[in-house]
Amino acid sequence: MKIYLQIITFIFLILIPFQLHSQNFSWQADTTAKTTTPAPTSIGKAVIFYTYLQNISNNPINLRVIRTSNQIPTNWSSSLCIGVCAAPFVDSIDAPILIAGQDTLLELVFNVDSIPNNGNVTLKVKNISEPTEFLVKDFTLATIPTLLRKTNISVSGKYRLFSNYPNPFNPVTTIPFEIGGKGNQRTIIIVYNVVGQLIKKIFDGHLSPGLHQVSWDGRDALGRSVSSGIYFFELRTEQQFMMGKMFLLK
């Protein structure tokens, strides 16, 4: 009987800490290492790591993203984005409160120059209510031609409209999005001004499920440059309707 009680006590002491400190969130990334070509011009270009934070608990959770290391070349920069992108010098942003089962997109954006190089950024995501609960990932980007390889991006299978980059921009910005479902469907991307006037339909065609992106050059349907200000971009498919906001700064 005594041995039996000792076994029960041992199991109790082992299992309870795991129950108390079980992970309340998950963090998936399309990849943590990418290679690309250097920027084709002195303006530079952006490379994005798409990652997803999900509440896997039964209670609301508040997460904080911290850039703990920013080992990149002098002329590069990196930014954290959740909905909108923080300035490159901002090392910490908070995700919106996530209810049970909800997820949010966290983007790490590298802005690179025309000189082949490589860089590394380390991010830490922690539970604000439980600081001892955290996850850490290293993200590496190389623009050295000899290291080029194809990157296989893992899609979520959902409909997603990501934040544009760069933002603010002048004059060109890129709008990434994901098409869910199982078959090709008509997809439309439209830009509006703040009063709801249509500025330009920048894409109208059929797309297969997966990750896609379009660019807008800051011009209207007649080819005229638009003024500085806030603009909205809209994703329409046969299944979904989503909108985002961007800022043209001249």
Protein backbone atom coordinates (compact mmCIF):
# COMPACT_ATOMS: atom_id res chain seq x y z
CA MET A 1 0.00 0.00 0.00
CA LYS A 2 2.85 2.34 0.89
CA ILE A 3 4.58 1.70 -2.44
CA TYR A 4 1.29 2.31 -4.26
CA LEU A 5 0.88 5.69 -2.54
CA GLN A 6 4.45 6.63 -3.38
CA ILE A 7 3.84 5.86 -7.06
CA ILE A 8 0.65 7.95 -7.06
CA THR A 9 2.47 10.83 -5.36
CA PHE A 10 5.31 10.66 -7.88
CA ILE A 11 2.93 10.76 -10.83
CA PHE A 12 1.03 13.68 -9.25
CA LEU A 13 4.22 15.69 -8.74
CA ILE A 14 5.38 15.04 -12.31
CA LEU A 15 2.12 15.78 -14.12
CA ILE A 16 0.90 18.84 -12.23
CA PRO A 17 3.75 21.16 -13.33
CA PHE A 18 3.11 20.24 -16.96
CA GLN A 19 -0.58 21.01 -16.53
CA LEU A 20 0.16 24.34 -14.87
CA HIS A 21 2.70 25.41 -17.49
CA SER A 22 1.22 23.91 -20.66
CA GLN A 23 1.73 26.09 -23.71
CA ASN A 24 -1.20 28.45 -24.36
CA PHE A 25 -0.17 29.57 -27.83
CA SER A 26 1.53 28.27 -30.96
CA TRP A 27 3.76 30.00 -33.49
CA GLN A 28 4.13 28.74 -37.05
CA ALA A 29 6.36 30.29 -39.71
CA ASP A 30 6.48 29.77 -43.48
CA THR A 31 10.24 29.34 -43.06
CA THR A 32 13.02 30.72 -40.88
CA ALA A 33 15.69 30.87 -43.59
CA LYS A 34 15.37 32.45 -47.02
CA THR A 35 17.60 33.39 -49.90
CA THR A 36 16.89 35.96 -52.58
CA THR A 37 18.67 38.21 -55.05
CA PRO A 38 20.00 41.61 -53.93
CA ALA A 39 17.84 44.67 -54.56
CA PRO A 40 17.92 45.54 -58.27
CA THR A 41 18.21 49.29 -57.59
CA SER A 42 19.37 51.70 -54.89
CA ILE A 43 15.77 51.96 -53.66
CA GLY A 44 16.02 48.50 -52.09
CA LYS A 45 13.39 45.81 -51.70
CA ALA A 46 11.47 44.04 -48.95
CA VAL A 47 11.50 40.34 -48.11
CA ILE A 48 8.80 39.06 -45.74
CA PHE A 49 8.70 36.15 -43.34
CA TYR A 50 5.03 35.24 -42.74
CA THR A 51 4.34 33.74 -39.31
CA TYR A 52 1.12 32.95 -37.45
CA LEU A 53 0.36 33.25 -33.73
CA GLN A 54 -2.57 31.17 -32.47
CA ASN A 55 -4.31 30.93 -29.13
CA ILE A 56 -4.56 27.20 -28.40
CA SER A 57 -5.96 27.67 -24.89
CA ASN A 58 -9.54 28.10 -23.72
CA ASN A 59 -9.01 31.66 -22.47
CA PRO A 60 -8.13 35.00 -24.07
CA ILE A 61 -4.40 35.58 -24.38
CA ASN A 62 -2.26 38.68 -24.87
CA LEU A 63 1.08 38.20 -26.63
CA ARG A 64 4.10 40.47 -26.97
CA VAL A 65 6.66 40.20 -29.77
CA ILE A 66 10.21 41.26 -28.94
CA ARG A 67 13.16 41.58 -31.33
CA THR A 68 16.02 40.41 -29.14
CA SER A 69 18.73 40.43 -31.81
CA ASN A 70 19.06 42.41 -35.05
CA GLN A 71 22.30 41.23 -36.65
CA ILE A 72 21.92 42.73 -40.13
CA PRO A 73 24.13 44.76 -42.51
CA THR A 74 24.34 48.53 -41.96
CA ASN A 75 22.16 49.39 -44.97
CA TRP A 76 19.48 46.81 -44.15
CA SER A 77 16.56 47.22 -41.78
CA SER A 78 13.97 44.92 -40.23
CA SER A 79 10.44 45.68 -39.04
CA LEU A 80 7.75 43.92 -37.03
CA CYS A 81 4.23 43.97 -38.46
CA ILE A 82 0.87 42.96 -36.99
CA GLY A 83 -1.80 44.69 -39.07
CA VAL A 84 0.55 47.65 -39.55
CA CYS A 85 4.34 47.77 -39.55
CA ALA A 86 6.27 49.37 -36.73
CA ALA A 87 9.25 51.60 -37.47
CA PRO A 88 12.56 49.72 -37.88
CA PHE A 89 13.85 51.05 -34.53
CA VAL A 90 10.87 49.61 -32.59
CA ASP A 91 11.89 46.34 -30.93
CA SER A 92 8.58 45.35 -29.29
CA ILE A 93 4.94 45.22 -30.39
CA ASP A 94 1.83 43.69 -28.84
CA ALA A 95 -0.56 41.43 -30.71
CA PRO A 96 -4.30 42.04 -30.32
CA ILE A 97 -5.93 39.98 -27.58
CA LEU A 98 -6.69 36.57 -29.08
CA ILE A 99 -9.75 34.61 -28.01
CA ALA A 100 -9.71 30.81 -27.88
CA GLY A 101 -8.79 29.34 -31.28
CA GLN A 102 -8.10 32.74 -32.87
CA ASP A 103 -4.88 33.50 -34.75
CA THR A 104 -3.13 36.57 -36.11
CA LEU A 105 -0.49 37.23 -38.73
CA LEU A 106 2.94 38.37 -37.54
CA GLU A 107 5.29 39.52 -40.30
CA LEU A 108 9.02 40.11 -40.10
CA VAL A 109 10.06 42.38 -42.96
CA PHE A 110 13.69 42.69 -44.11
CA ASN A 111 14.53 45.69 -46.30
CA VAL A 112 17.73 44.91 -48.22
CA ASP A 113 20.07 46.83 -50.50
CA SER A 114 21.87 45.98 -53.76
CA ILE A 115 25.01 44.54 -52.14
CA PRO A 116 25.00 40.73 -51.61
CA ASN A 117 25.01 39.99 -47.90
CA ASN A 118 23.22 38.10 -45.14
CA GLY A 119 21.56 38.90 -41.83
CA ASN A 120 19.83 37.34 -38.85
CA VAL A 121 17.02 38.48 -36.57
CA THR A 122 15.88 36.73 -33.39
CA LEU A 123 12.30 37.16 -32.21
CA LYS A 124 10.77 36.20 -28.89
CA VAL A 125 7.00 35.88 -28.39
CA LYS A 126 5.84 35.78 -24.79
CA ASN A 127 2.56 35.55 -22.91
CA ILE A 128 2.23 38.92 -21.16
CA SER A 129 0.19 37.36 -18.34
CA GLU A 130 2.71 34.55 -17.91
CA PRO A 131 6.22 35.84 -18.78
CA THR A 132 7.81 32.43 -18.23
CA GLU A 133 5.82 31.14 -21.21
CA PHE A 134 7.57 32.14 -24.44
CA LEU A 135 8.85 30.92 -27.80
CA VAL A 136 11.97 32.04 -29.69
CA LYS A 137 12.78 31.82 -33.41
CA ASP A 138 15.80 32.88 -35.49
CA PHE A 139 15.17 34.26 -38.98
CA THR A 140 17.99 34.31 -41.52
CA LEU A 141 18.05 36.02 -44.91
CA ALA A 142 20.82 35.84 -47.52
CA THR A 143 21.12 37.86 -50.73
CA ILE A 144 24.27 36.10 -51.87
CA PRO A 145 23.63 34.65 -55.38
CA THR A 146 25.60 31.46 -54.73
CA LEU A 147 23.20 30.60 -51.89
CA LEU A 148 20.04 30.89 -53.98
CA ARG A 149 17.46 28.14 -53.59
CA LYS A 150 13.73 27.79 -53.94
CA THR A 151 11.74 28.48 -50.78
CA ASN A 152 8.66 26.35 -50.24
CA ILE A 153 6.11 28.48 -48.39
CA SER A 154 3.59 26.66 -46.27
CA VAL A 155 0.11 28.09 -46.84
CA SER A 156 -2.66 28.04 -44.25
CA GLY A 157 -5.51 27.17 -46.63
CA LYS A 158 -7.40 30.26 -45.44
CA TYR A 159 -8.33 33.54 -47.07
CA ARG A 160 -5.88 36.18 -45.80
CA LEU A 161 -5.16 39.77 -46.75
CA PHE A 162 -1.75 40.80 -45.41
CA SER A 163 -0.45 44.29 -44.70
CA ASN A 164 1.21 46.00 -47.64
CA TYR A 165 4.92 46.71 -47.67
CA PRO A 166 6.57 49.07 -47.46
CA ASN A 167 4.07 51.18 -45.55
CA PRO A 168 4.28 54.18 -45.74
CA PHE A 169 5.43 53.93 -49.37
CA ASN A 170 6.48 56.09 -52.31
CA PRO A 171 5.57 55.35 -55.00
CA VAL A 172 5.30 51.52 -55.17
CA THR A 173 3.95 49.09 -52.59
CA THR A 174 3.25 45.35 -52.60
CA ILE A 175 0.05 43.73 -51.31
CA PRO A 176 0.37 40.03 -50.39
CA PHE A 177 -2.69 37.83 -49.93
CA GLU A 178 -3.69 34.21 -49.70
CA ILE A 179 -6.52 32.50 -51.55
CA GLY A 180 -8.18 29.64 -49.69
CA GLY A 181 -10.61 27.02 -50.95
CA LYS A 182 -9.91 24.19 -53.36
CA GLY A 183 -10.26 25.59 -56.86
CA ASN A 184 -9.58 28.59 -59.08
CA GLN A 185 -11.82 31.56 -58.45
CA ARG A 186 -12.21 35.12 -59.61
CA THR A 187 -10.14 37.51 -57.52
CA ILE A 188 -10.27 41.30 -57.58
CA ILE A 189 -7.96 43.81 -55.88
CA ILE A 190 -9.21 47.42 -55.81
CA VAL A 191 -7.77 50.64 -54.33
CA TYR A 192 -10.06 53.34 -52.86
CA ASN A 193 -9.43 56.75 -51.33
CA VAL A 194 -10.65 57.81 -47.88
CA VAL A 195 -14.06 58.93 -49.19
CA GLY A 196 -14.72 55.63 -50.92
CA GLN A 197 -13.96 56.66 -54.49
CA LEU A 198 -12.49 53.93 -56.67
CA ILE A 199 -8.90 54.82 -57.59
CA LYS A 200 -7.84 51.76 -59.55
CA LYS A 201 -8.65 48.09 -60.05
CA ILE A 202 -5.14 46.64 -59.92
CA PHE A 203 -6.08 43.01 -60.49
CA ASP A 204 -9.08 41.13 -61.87
CA GLY A 205 -8.59 37.52 -62.80
CA HIS A 206 -8.80 33.89 -61.70
CA LEU A 207 -6.30 32.60 -59.13
CA SER A 208 -5.61 29.19 -57.64
CA PRO A 209 -5.41 28.64 -53.86
CA GLY A 210 -2.12 29.77 -52.33
CA LEU A 211 -0.01 32.86 -51.68
CA HIS A 212 -0.04 35.69 -54.21
CA GLN A 213 0.92 39.36 -54.34
CA VAL A 214 0.21 42.43 -56.45
CA SER A 215 1.88 45.83 -56.64
CA TRP A 216 0.44 49.33 -56.86
CA ASP A 217 2.49 52.20 -58.27
CA GLY A 218 0.49 55.06 -56.72
CA ARG A 219 -1.38 55.84 -59.94
CA ASP A 220 -5.08 55.92 -60.75
CA ALA A 221 -6.91 54.16 -63.59
CA LEU A 222 -5.86 56.94 -66.01
CA GLY A 223 -2.18 56.64 -65.11
CA ARG A 224 -2.06 59.83 -63.03
CA SER A 225 -0.04 59.96 -59.81
CA VAL A 226 -2.30 60.33 -56.77
CA SER A 227 -1.58 62.62 -53.85
CA SER A 228 -0.20 61.69 -50.45
CA GLY A 229 -2.68 60.27 -47.98
CA ILE A 230 -4.45 57.19 -46.69
CA TYR A 231 -5.80 54.65 -49.18
CA PHE A 232 -7.67 51.40 -48.75
CA PHE A 233 -7.12 48.18 -50.66
CA GLU A 234 -9.87 45.62 -51.03
CA LEU A 235 -9.71 41.89 -51.74
CA ARG A 236 -12.82 40.36 -53.29
CA THR A 237 -13.24 36.70 -54.13
CA GLU A 238 -16.22 34.44 -54.66
CA GLN A 239 -16.02 33.56 -50.96
CA GLN A 240 -14.51 36.51 -49.10
CA PHE A 241 -14.34 40.30 -48.79
CA MET A 242 -11.41 41.91 -46.92
CA MET A 243 -9.89 45.38 -46.65
CA GLY A 244 -6.56 46.89 -45.58
CA LYS A 245 -5.17 50.41 -45.14
CA MET A 246 -1.99 51.94 -46.54
CA PHE A 247 -0.31 55.37 -46.50
CA LEU A 248 1.26 57.03 -49.53
CA LEU A 249 3.86 59.55 -48.38
CA LYS A 250 5.55 61.80 -50.95
